[in-house]
Every structure is written in C-alpha cells, then in structure tokens.
N, C-alpha and C. Protein backbone atom coordinates (compact mmCIF):
# COMPACT_ATOMS: atom_id res chain seq x y z
N MET A 1 259.31 109.17 130.19
CA MET A 1 259.29 110.45 129.74
C MET A 1 258.27 110.63 131.29
N ASP A 2 258.95 111.97 131.72
CA ASP A 2 258.21 112.50 133.20
C ASP A 2 256.97 112.59 132.73
N ILE A 3 255.72 112.49 133.59
CA ILE A 3 255.04 112.94 134.24
C ILE A 3 254.48 114.09 133.71
N TYR A 4 255.17 115.04 134.42
CA TYR A 4 255.10 116.47 133.79
C TYR A 4 255.88 117.00 132.96
N HIS A 5 256.17 116.20 132.26
CA HIS A 5 256.64 116.88 130.78
C HIS A 5 255.78 116.28 129.41
N ILE A 6 255.35 115.40 130.09
CA ILE A 6 254.05 114.53 129.04
C ILE A 6 253.35 115.73 129.00
N ILE A 7 252.34 116.59 130.19
CA ILE A 7 251.66 117.34 130.01
C ILE A 7 251.85 119.00 130.00
N ARG A 8 251.70 118.81 128.82
CA ARG A 8 252.46 120.93 128.94
C ARG A 8 251.47 121.92 129.69
N ARG A 9 250.42 122.23 129.49
CA ARG A 9 249.40 122.80 130.23
C ARG A 9 248.04 122.97 129.53
N PRO A 10 247.23 123.02 130.75
CA PRO A 10 245.80 122.88 130.97
C PRO A 10 245.09 123.87 129.54
N LEU A 11 244.20 123.44 128.53
CA LEU A 11 243.91 124.37 127.47
C LEU A 11 242.47 125.11 128.08
N VAL A 12 242.26 126.22 128.80
CA VAL A 12 241.57 126.70 129.24
C VAL A 12 240.64 128.14 128.34
N THR A 13 239.89 127.35 127.69
CA THR A 13 238.88 128.40 126.46
C THR A 13 237.45 128.23 126.86
N GLU A 14 236.53 128.72 126.36
CA GLU A 14 234.95 128.72 126.42
C GLU A 14 234.71 127.62 126.12
N GLN A 15 234.48 127.17 125.09
CA GLN A 15 234.41 125.77 124.85
C GLN A 15 234.99 124.68 126.01
N GLY A 16 236.38 124.73 126.13
CA GLY A 16 236.49 123.78 127.12
C GLY A 16 235.66 123.88 128.53
N THR A 17 235.43 125.03 128.44
CA THR A 17 234.84 125.59 130.01
C THR A 17 233.54 124.80 129.90
N HIS A 18 232.84 124.98 129.31
CA HIS A 18 231.67 124.57 128.33
C HIS A 18 231.49 122.89 129.11
N GLN A 19 233.00 122.25 128.10
CA GLN A 19 232.74 120.45 128.12
C GLN A 19 232.61 120.44 129.11
N SER A 20 234.00 120.58 130.01
CA SER A 20 233.82 120.47 131.76
C SER A 20 233.00 120.44 132.36
N LYS A 21 231.88 120.93 132.09
CA LYS A 21 230.44 121.19 133.02
C LYS A 21 230.08 120.10 132.86
N GLN A 22 229.76 119.49 130.98
CA GLN A 22 228.67 118.54 131.15
C GLN A 22 229.18 117.19 130.99
N THR A 23 228.00 116.47 132.00
CA THR A 23 228.03 115.25 132.42
C THR A 23 226.80 114.43 132.10
N PHE A 24 227.03 113.04 131.63
CA PHE A 24 225.90 112.51 131.20
C PHE A 24 225.63 111.18 131.70
N ALA A 25 224.48 110.93 132.37
CA ALA A 25 224.00 110.25 133.03
C ALA A 25 223.83 108.61 132.29
N ALA A 26 224.26 107.44 133.11
CA ALA A 26 224.66 106.34 132.28
C ALA A 26 223.10 105.55 131.21
N THR A 27 222.57 105.15 130.28
CA THR A 27 221.58 104.61 129.92
C THR A 27 221.62 103.59 130.00
N ARG A 28 220.81 102.93 129.30
CA ARG A 28 220.60 101.41 128.87
C ARG A 28 221.48 100.95 128.39
N THR A 29 221.82 101.62 126.92
CA THR A 29 222.80 101.34 125.78
C THR A 29 224.60 101.80 125.85
N ARG A 30 224.33 102.98 127.27
CA ARG A 30 225.61 103.72 127.03
C ARG A 30 226.50 103.79 128.26
N PRO A 31 227.66 103.87 128.86
CA PRO A 31 227.80 104.49 130.18
C PRO A 31 228.19 105.57 130.32
N GLY A 32 227.92 106.02 131.71
CA GLY A 32 227.99 107.52 132.04
C GLY A 32 229.14 108.39 131.89
N ARG A 33 229.71 109.50 131.83
CA ARG A 33 230.66 109.94 131.66
C ARG A 33 230.71 111.11 132.67
N GLY A 34 231.88 111.38 132.81
CA GLY A 34 231.95 113.35 133.13
C GLY A 34 231.97 114.05 132.58
N GLY A 35 233.04 115.53 132.82
CA GLY A 35 233.32 116.22 132.02
C GLY A 35 234.38 115.36 131.10
N ALA A 36 234.49 116.73 129.85
CA ALA A 36 236.09 116.38 129.16
C ALA A 36 236.61 117.88 129.33
N TYR A 37 237.94 117.64 129.44
CA TYR A 37 239.33 118.81 129.80
C TYR A 37 240.24 118.62 128.43
N SER A 38 240.55 119.76 128.21
CA SER A 38 241.91 119.86 127.06
C SER A 38 242.99 120.60 127.79
N PHE A 39 243.93 119.58 127.23
CA PHE A 39 245.51 119.50 127.59
C PHE A 39 246.19 119.80 126.38
N GLU A 40 247.15 120.86 126.41
CA GLU A 40 248.40 120.69 125.58
C GLU A 40 249.29 119.52 126.66
N VAL A 41 249.69 119.14 125.21
CA VAL A 41 250.49 117.26 125.42
C VAL A 41 251.83 117.23 124.63
N HIS A 42 252.83 116.42 125.16
CA HIS A 42 253.87 116.75 124.32
C HIS A 42 253.49 115.78 123.11
N PRO A 43 254.02 116.03 122.04
CA PRO A 43 253.90 115.77 120.43
C PRO A 43 254.20 113.84 120.71
N ASP A 44 255.27 113.52 120.99
CA ASP A 44 255.39 112.13 121.22
C ASP A 44 254.55 111.36 122.37
N ALA A 45 253.69 111.99 123.44
CA ALA A 45 253.28 111.40 124.00
C ALA A 45 252.35 110.33 123.33
N ASN A 46 251.64 109.47 124.18
CA ASN A 46 250.54 108.47 123.43
C ASN A 46 249.70 108.21 124.21
N LYS A 47 248.48 107.56 124.46
CA LYS A 47 247.13 107.79 125.68
C LYS A 47 247.39 107.14 125.94
N ILE A 48 247.92 106.38 126.44
CA ILE A 48 248.58 105.50 127.80
C ILE A 48 249.17 106.54 129.00
N GLN A 49 250.49 106.74 127.92
CA GLN A 49 250.97 107.76 128.98
C GLN A 49 250.15 109.09 129.03
N ILE A 50 249.41 110.04 128.29
CA ILE A 50 248.56 110.84 128.74
C ILE A 50 247.84 110.34 130.02
N ARG A 51 247.05 109.21 129.54
CA ARG A 51 246.42 108.54 131.04
C ARG A 51 246.73 108.97 132.26
N ASN A 52 248.13 107.77 132.21
CA ASN A 52 248.50 107.77 133.59
C ASN A 52 248.68 108.99 133.94
N ALA A 53 249.33 110.03 133.14
CA ALA A 53 249.85 111.62 133.68
C ALA A 53 249.29 112.10 134.76
N ILE A 54 247.57 111.77 133.85
CA ILE A 54 246.29 113.10 134.28
C ILE A 54 245.75 111.99 135.37
N GLU A 55 245.84 111.01 135.50
CA GLU A 55 245.25 110.06 136.80
C GLU A 55 246.08 110.56 138.14
N LYS A 56 247.95 110.51 137.48
CA LYS A 56 248.97 110.79 138.55
C LYS A 56 249.09 112.48 139.40
N ILE A 57 248.77 113.25 138.49
CA ILE A 57 248.52 114.60 138.60
C ILE A 57 247.38 115.55 139.43
N TYR A 58 246.17 114.72 139.18
CA TYR A 58 245.18 115.51 139.36
C TYR A 58 244.45 114.70 139.79
N ASN A 59 244.72 113.29 140.46
CA ASN A 59 243.60 112.12 141.37
C ASN A 59 242.39 111.91 141.05
N VAL A 60 242.28 111.74 139.10
CA VAL A 60 240.90 111.81 138.93
C VAL A 60 241.05 110.06 138.28
N LYS A 61 240.11 109.49 137.94
CA LYS A 61 239.97 108.36 137.09
C LYS A 61 239.69 108.59 135.33
N VAL A 62 240.31 108.61 134.93
CA VAL A 62 240.49 108.57 133.08
C VAL A 62 239.32 107.77 132.45
N GLN A 63 238.21 108.21 131.86
CA GLN A 63 237.40 107.08 131.15
C GLN A 63 237.87 106.82 129.84
N LYS A 64 238.33 107.93 129.03
CA LYS A 64 238.89 107.99 127.56
C LYS A 64 239.59 108.95 127.05
N VAL A 65 240.62 109.02 126.18
CA VAL A 65 241.53 109.78 126.07
C VAL A 65 241.49 110.42 124.27
N ARG A 66 241.18 111.24 123.90
CA ARG A 66 240.85 111.64 122.53
C ARG A 66 242.28 112.23 122.19
N THR A 67 242.66 112.05 120.86
CA THR A 67 244.32 113.41 120.88
C THR A 67 244.02 113.77 119.08
N SER A 68 244.77 114.73 119.10
CA SER A 68 244.71 115.63 117.60
C SER A 68 246.16 116.14 117.23
N LEU A 69 246.93 116.27 116.33
CA LEU A 69 247.71 117.38 116.25
C LEU A 69 246.92 118.03 115.24
N ARG A 70 248.22 119.24 115.84
CA ARG A 70 246.93 120.63 115.18
C ARG A 70 248.64 121.64 114.68
N GLN A 71 248.28 121.25 113.48
CA GLN A 71 249.57 121.75 112.68
C GLN A 71 249.48 123.38 112.67
N GLY A 72 250.70 123.91 112.74
CA GLY A 72 251.46 125.30 112.39
C GLY A 72 250.37 125.89 111.43
N LYS A 73 250.49 127.37 111.66
CA LYS A 73 250.01 128.27 110.83
C LYS A 73 250.64 128.84 109.99
N ARG A 74 250.83 129.26 108.79
CA ARG A 74 251.70 130.61 108.33
C ARG A 74 251.35 131.69 108.73
N ARG A 75 252.27 132.16 109.21
CA ARG A 75 252.55 133.74 109.19
C ARG A 75 253.25 135.05 108.59
N ARG A 76 252.93 135.74 108.49
CA ARG A 76 253.88 136.79 108.19
C ARG A 76 254.20 137.66 108.89
N TYR A 77 255.42 138.24 109.10
CA TYR A 77 256.21 139.71 110.09
C TYR A 77 256.80 140.30 109.61
N ARG A 78 256.88 141.73 109.07
CA ARG A 78 256.96 142.49 108.28
C ARG A 78 257.42 141.92 106.92
N HIS A 79 258.74 141.47 106.13
CA HIS A 79 258.92 141.14 105.46
C HIS A 79 259.31 139.51 105.30
N LYS A 80 258.66 138.85 106.39
CA LYS A 80 259.38 137.65 106.46
C LYS A 80 258.32 136.63 106.66
N SER A 81 258.35 135.50 106.28
CA SER A 81 257.23 134.52 106.15
C SER A 81 257.71 133.13 107.15
N GLY A 82 256.62 132.79 108.13
CA GLY A 82 257.14 131.26 108.70
C GLY A 82 255.93 130.40 108.96
N ILE A 83 256.29 130.25 109.88
CA ILE A 83 254.84 129.31 110.07
C ILE A 83 255.61 128.37 111.97
N THR A 84 253.99 129.29 112.21
CA THR A 84 253.61 129.09 114.27
C THR A 84 254.72 127.35 114.16
N ARG A 85 254.91 126.96 115.48
CA ARG A 85 255.01 125.77 115.73
C ARG A 85 253.39 124.62 115.79
N SER A 86 253.79 123.51 115.47
CA SER A 86 252.90 122.37 115.66
C SER A 86 252.56 122.23 117.22
N TRP A 87 251.70 121.84 117.33
CA TRP A 87 250.97 121.10 118.66
C TRP A 87 250.51 120.02 118.87
N LYS A 88 250.17 119.12 120.01
CA LYS A 88 249.38 118.06 120.27
C LYS A 88 248.32 118.56 121.44
N ARG A 89 247.07 118.57 121.07
CA ARG A 89 245.94 118.28 121.99
C ARG A 89 245.08 117.34 122.76
N ALA A 90 245.31 117.19 123.18
CA ALA A 90 244.11 115.91 124.34
C ALA A 90 243.00 116.32 125.25
N VAL A 91 242.41 115.62 124.40
CA VAL A 91 240.79 115.71 125.44
C VAL A 91 240.57 114.57 126.01
N VAL A 92 240.54 114.72 127.13
CA VAL A 92 240.33 113.76 128.62
C VAL A 92 239.04 113.79 129.27
N VAL A 93 237.79 112.37 128.98
CA VAL A 93 236.95 112.13 129.49
C VAL A 93 237.24 111.23 130.74
N LEU A 94 236.61 112.27 131.97
CA LEU A 94 236.46 111.40 132.79
C LEU A 94 235.29 110.41 133.59
N ASN A 95 235.40 110.02 134.58
CA ASN A 95 234.73 108.52 135.39
C ASN A 95 233.56 110.02 135.53
N PRO A 96 232.14 109.84 135.81
CA PRO A 96 230.93 110.57 136.61
C PRO A 96 231.55 111.67 137.62
N GLU A 97 232.18 110.07 138.84
CA GLU A 97 232.45 110.85 140.30
C GLU A 97 233.58 111.84 140.02
N HIS A 98 233.98 111.67 138.86
CA HIS A 98 235.48 112.81 139.42
C HIS A 98 235.11 113.76 138.70
N HIS A 99 236.05 114.86 139.02
CA HIS A 99 236.38 116.45 138.18
C HIS A 99 237.57 116.62 138.62
N ILE A 100 237.87 117.90 137.47
CA ILE A 100 239.17 118.92 138.33
C ILE A 100 239.08 120.11 138.21
N ASP A 101 239.06 120.83 139.13
CA ASP A 101 239.09 121.69 139.96
C ASP A 101 239.75 122.98 139.55
N LEU A 102 240.57 122.49 138.23
CA LEU A 102 241.36 123.82 137.60
C LEU A 102 240.22 124.59 136.34
N PHE A 103 238.91 123.93 136.19
CA PHE A 103 238.42 124.32 135.02
C PHE A 103 237.32 125.21 135.60
C-alpha cells in the first residue's frame, strides 16, 4: 500500500487543534512528548505503516500511534434508512522537538 493511500486526510477539529499545541516536558519517570495529531487512515493500515507514512510525508519523528475504529451511524433519509461508512482514526504523538504546521 502506498504511503499516500494510508493517510487519507488530517482531522482538523477544536479538540485536535488543542491536542496539537500541548507538549509535555520529560520528568524523572516519563519521557517528554510533543503534540498529538489526528488523521483518518485506511482501515487496513496498521500502526507501523501509519508511523512510516507520517514520518516520510511530514518529515517528523513519531513517538507513538494510537488507532481506533469508528463505526458508522444509522441515518434516515426520507423513507429509507441506512448506515454511514465506518472509518479508522489514528492519533499520532510526536517527539517534543517536532511539529506539523498543518494544524
């Protein structure tokens, strides 16, 4: 799978913007971390593929990747009911010295 097919789009929301601005300094028991950025990714992509794609596309160093599957919601349109599509979300935590200018 191509790296540009793995990352579909960045999720720019109020919560995502707030998380991208937060950085934490290193303490005695925990290493420091940079901001967290959210992306919609291909449902078949794993964490290693997501990490490699983000590092190559944005030229940053990824510290951690968290993923979650978002189920589609039931919706009604006129007299028919259906389900919106399911999708996968990835939250990427960067090293403290890196950031993405997109957010």
